[in-house]
Amino acid sequence: MNEIDQYILKYSEELQLKLQEIRNIIREAAPEATEKISWQMPTFYLNGNLVHFAMHKTHIGFYPGPSGVESFKDKLGEYKNSKGAIQFPLCKPLPKELITDIVKFRVAENKNK
């Protein structure tokens, strides 16, 4: 059991499913990335931090950094976002395609570092 497994197990079964779902989406989009905890959040790492995610009271925070938000600004209309963060409400399904596209963008960006 790694640190991200331990992070996920802190939550109710329903929330664990959501956290595992976003983790799996990221894993599929970035199979070369490694997992760790950074900034007290599950983090995927590939030539630097790739993306983070974290459970909050009403949403899952997804942190692809400023470039990951800015490059997809036109697709984030329904999601609250800021400079480097996107909020996915717990009451809605996770946007798999959007998360996949952002992660793949960040993989390409980090590989070009």
C-alpha atoms as a PDB file:
ATOM      1  CA  MET A   1       0.000   0.000   0.000  1.00  0.00           C
ATOM      2  CA  ASN A   2       1.467   3.333  -1.000  1.00  0.00           C
ATOM      3  CA  GLU A   3       0.856   6.859   0.289  1.00  0.00           C
ATOM      4  CA  ILE A   4      -1.942   7.585  -2.173  1.00  0.00           C
ATOM      5  CA  ASP A   5      -3.751   4.414  -1.155  1.00  0.00           C
ATOM      6  CA  GLN A   6      -3.520   5.584   2.457  1.00  0.00           C
ATOM      7  CA  TYR A   7      -4.810   9.045   1.489  1.00  0.00           C
ATOM      8  CA  ILE A   8      -7.840   7.553  -0.273  1.00  0.00           C
ATOM      9  CA  LEU A   9      -8.651   5.196   2.612  1.00  0.00           C
ATOM     10  CA  LYS A  10      -9.204   8.185   4.936  1.00  0.00           C
ATOM     11  CA  TYR A  11     -12.525   8.898   3.215  1.00  0.00           C
ATOM     12  CA  SER A  12     -15.928   7.224   3.066  1.00  0.00           C
ATOM     13  CA  GLU A  13     -16.464   4.430   0.564  1.00  0.00           C
ATOM     14  CA  GLU A  14     -18.414   6.746  -1.757  1.00  0.00           C
ATOM     15  CA  LEU A  15     -15.626   9.338  -1.769  1.00  0.00           C
ATOM     16  CA  GLN A  16     -12.980   6.642  -2.157  1.00  0.00           C
ATOM     17  CA  LEU A  17     -14.658   5.626  -5.411  1.00  0.00           C
ATOM     18  CA  LYS A  18     -14.458   9.204  -6.728  1.00  0.00           C
ATOM     19  CA  LEU A  19     -10.815   9.545  -5.694  1.00  0.00           C
ATOM     20  CA  GLN A  20      -9.922   6.194  -7.232  1.00  0.00           C
ATOM     21  CA  GLU A  21     -11.733   7.199 -10.412  1.00  0.00           C
ATOM     22  CA  ILE A  22      -9.703  10.395 -10.887  1.00  0.00           C
ATOM     23  CA  ARG A  23      -6.544   8.485 -10.003  1.00  0.00           C
ATOM     24  CA  ASN A  24      -7.314   5.885 -12.682  1.00  0.00           C
ATOM     25  CA  ILE A  25      -8.070   8.559 -15.296  1.00  0.00           C
ATOM     26  CA  ILE A  26      -4.702  10.177 -14.580  1.00  0.00           C
ATOM     27  CA  ARG A  27      -2.893   6.814 -14.623  1.00  0.00           C
ATOM     28  CA  GLU A  28      -4.350   5.992 -18.041  1.00  0.00           C
ATOM     29  CA  ALA A  29      -3.368   9.381 -19.447  1.00  0.00           C
ATOM     30  CA  ALA A  30       0.120   9.342 -17.913  1.00  0.00           C
ATOM     31  CA  PRO A  31       1.223   5.711 -17.581  1.00  0.00           C
ATOM     32  CA  GLU A  32       4.904   6.689 -17.222  1.00  0.00           C
ATOM     33  CA  ALA A  33       4.243   8.977 -14.249  1.00  0.00           C
ATOM     34  CA  THR A  34       5.017   7.936 -10.702  1.00  0.00           C
ATOM     35  CA  GLU A  35       2.821   8.585  -7.683  1.00  0.00           C
ATOM     36  CA  LYS A  36       3.729  10.353  -4.487  1.00  0.00           C
ATOM     37  CA  ILE A  37       2.314  12.732  -1.903  1.00  0.00           C
ATOM     38  CA  SER A  38       3.384  16.336  -2.366  1.00  0.00           C
ATOM     39  CA  TRP A  39       1.862  19.373  -0.672  1.00  0.00           C
ATOM     40  CA  GLN A  40      -0.204  16.803   1.305  1.00  0.00           C
ATOM     41  CA  MET A  41      -1.990  15.772  -1.915  1.00  0.00           C
ATOM     42  CA  PRO A  42      -1.799  12.788  -4.234  1.00  0.00           C
ATOM     43  CA  THR A  43       0.625  13.811  -6.967  1.00  0.00           C
ATOM     44  CA  PHE A  44       1.681  12.377 -10.281  1.00  0.00           C
ATOM     45  CA  TYR A  45       5.293  13.076 -11.155  1.00  0.00           C
ATOM     46  CA  LEU A  46       7.051  12.981 -14.529  1.00  0.00           C
ATOM     47  CA  ASN A  47      10.060  15.248 -15.047  1.00  0.00           C
ATOM     48  CA  GLY A  48       8.578  17.344 -12.236  1.00  0.00           C
ATOM     49  CA  ASN A  49       5.129  17.551 -10.694  1.00  0.00           C
ATOM     50  CA  LEU A  50       2.524  16.763 -13.317  1.00  0.00           C
ATOM     51  CA  VAL A  51      -0.850  17.089 -11.552  1.00  0.00           C
ATOM     52  CA  HIS A  52      -2.213  16.886  -8.018  1.00  0.00           C
ATOM     53  CA  PHE A  53      -5.713  16.109  -6.753  1.00  0.00           C
ATOM     54  CA  ALA A  54      -7.344  16.421  -3.352  1.00  0.00           C
ATOM     55  CA  MET A  55     -10.668  15.842  -1.644  1.00  0.00           C
ATOM     56  CA  HIS A  56     -12.539  18.854  -0.336  1.00  0.00           C
ATOM     57  CA  LYS A  57     -15.931  19.178   1.319  1.00  0.00           C
ATOM     58  CA  THR A  58     -17.962  19.646  -1.885  1.00  0.00           C
ATOM     59  CA  HIS A  59     -15.512  18.947  -4.690  1.00  0.00           C
ATOM     60  CA  ILE A  60     -12.339  17.258  -5.836  1.00  0.00           C
ATOM     61  CA  GLY A  61      -9.630  19.798  -6.449  1.00  0.00           C
ATOM     62  CA  PHE A  62      -7.563  19.093  -9.554  1.00  0.00           C
ATOM     63  CA  TYR A  63      -4.285  20.977  -9.828  1.00  0.00           C
ATOM     64  CA  PRO A  64      -2.656  20.913 -13.268  1.00  0.00           C
ATOM     65  CA  GLY A  65      -0.786  24.173 -12.703  1.00  0.00           C
ATOM     66  CA  PRO A  66      -1.417  27.519 -14.386  1.00  0.00           C
ATOM     67  CA  SER A  67      -0.634  26.263 -17.904  1.00  0.00           C
ATOM     68  CA  GLY A  68      -3.014  23.332 -17.522  1.00  0.00           C
ATOM     69  CA  VAL A  69      -5.857  25.661 -16.565  1.00  0.00           C
ATOM     70  CA  GLU A  70      -5.086  28.434 -19.056  1.00  0.00           C
ATOM     71  CA  SER A  71      -4.740  26.073 -22.027  1.00  0.00           C
ATOM     72  CA  PHE A  72      -8.209  24.590 -21.384  1.00  0.00           C
ATOM     73  CA  LYS A  73      -9.970  27.751 -20.186  1.00  0.00           C
ATOM     74  CA  ASP A  74     -12.557  27.500 -22.979  1.00  0.00           C
ATOM     75  CA  LYS A  75     -13.610  24.016 -21.758  1.00  0.00           C
ATOM     76  CA  LEU A  76     -13.857  24.897 -18.059  1.00  0.00           C
ATOM     77  CA  GLY A  77     -17.007  27.026 -18.208  1.00  0.00           C
ATOM     78  CA  GLU A  78     -19.062  24.900 -15.824  1.00  0.00           C
ATOM     79  CA  TYR A  79     -16.207  24.336 -13.355  1.00  0.00           C
ATOM     80  CA  LYS A  80     -14.982  26.789 -10.784  1.00  0.00           C
ATOM     81  CA  ASN A  81     -11.290  27.411 -11.443  1.00  0.00           C
ATOM     82  CA  SER A  82      -8.418  29.670 -10.546  1.00  0.00           C
ATOM     83  CA  LYS A  83      -4.840  30.185 -11.685  1.00  0.00           C
ATOM     84  CA  GLY A  84      -3.754  26.559 -11.185  1.00  0.00           C
ATOM     85  CA  ALA A  85      -6.832  24.730  -9.880  1.00  0.00           C
ATOM     86  CA  ILE A  86     -10.111  23.286 -11.109  1.00  0.00           C
ATOM     87  CA  GLN A  87     -12.987  22.173  -8.881  1.00  0.00           C
ATOM     88  CA  PHE A  88     -14.996  19.111  -9.886  1.00  0.00           C
ATOM     89  CA  PRO A  89     -18.219  19.036  -7.810  1.00  0.00           C
ATOM     90  CA  LEU A  90     -18.858  15.759  -6.004  1.00  0.00           C
ATOM     91  CA  CYS A  91     -22.494  15.808  -7.140  1.00  0.00           C
ATOM     92  CA  LYS A  92     -21.509  15.497 -10.837  1.00  0.00           C
ATOM     93  CA  PRO A  93     -19.661  12.816 -12.789  1.00  0.00           C
ATOM     94  CA  LEU A  94     -15.976  13.463 -13.352  1.00  0.00           C
ATOM     95  CA  PRO A  95     -15.245  14.790 -16.871  1.00  0.00           C
ATOM     96  CA  LYS A  96     -12.978  11.940 -17.985  1.00  0.00           C
ATOM     97  CA  GLU A  97     -12.209  13.347 -21.435  1.00  0.00           C
ATOM     98  CA  LEU A  98     -11.326  16.787 -20.075  1.00  0.00           C
ATOM     99  CA  ILE A  99      -9.098  15.387 -17.321  1.00  0.00           C
ATOM    100  CA  THR A 100      -7.408  13.071 -19.841  1.00  0.00           C
ATOM    101  CA  ASP A 101      -6.736  15.947 -22.253  1.00  0.00           C
ATOM    102  CA  ILE A 102      -5.294  18.147 -19.506  1.00  0.00           C
ATOM    103  CA  VAL A 103      -3.056  15.372 -18.173  1.00  0.00           C
ATOM    104  CA  LYS A 104      -1.780  14.527 -21.664  1.00  0.00           C
ATOM    105  CA  PHE A 105      -1.062  18.218 -22.237  1.00  0.00           C
ATOM    106  CA  ARG A 106       0.911  18.349 -18.977  1.00  0.00           C
ATOM    107  CA  VAL A 107       2.829  15.158 -19.900  1.00  0.00           C
ATOM    108  CA  ALA A 108       3.910  16.725 -23.199  1.00  0.00           C
ATOM    109  CA  GLU A 109       4.794  19.959 -21.426  1.00  0.00           C
ATOM    110  CA  ASN A 110       6.912  18.202 -18.786  1.00  0.00           C
ATOM    111  CA  LYS A 111       8.650  15.986 -21.342  1.00  0.00           C
ATOM    112  CA  ASN A 112       9.723  19.122 -23.218  1.00  0.00           C
ATOM    113  CA  LYS A 113      11.357  20.623 -20.123  1.00  0.00           C
END
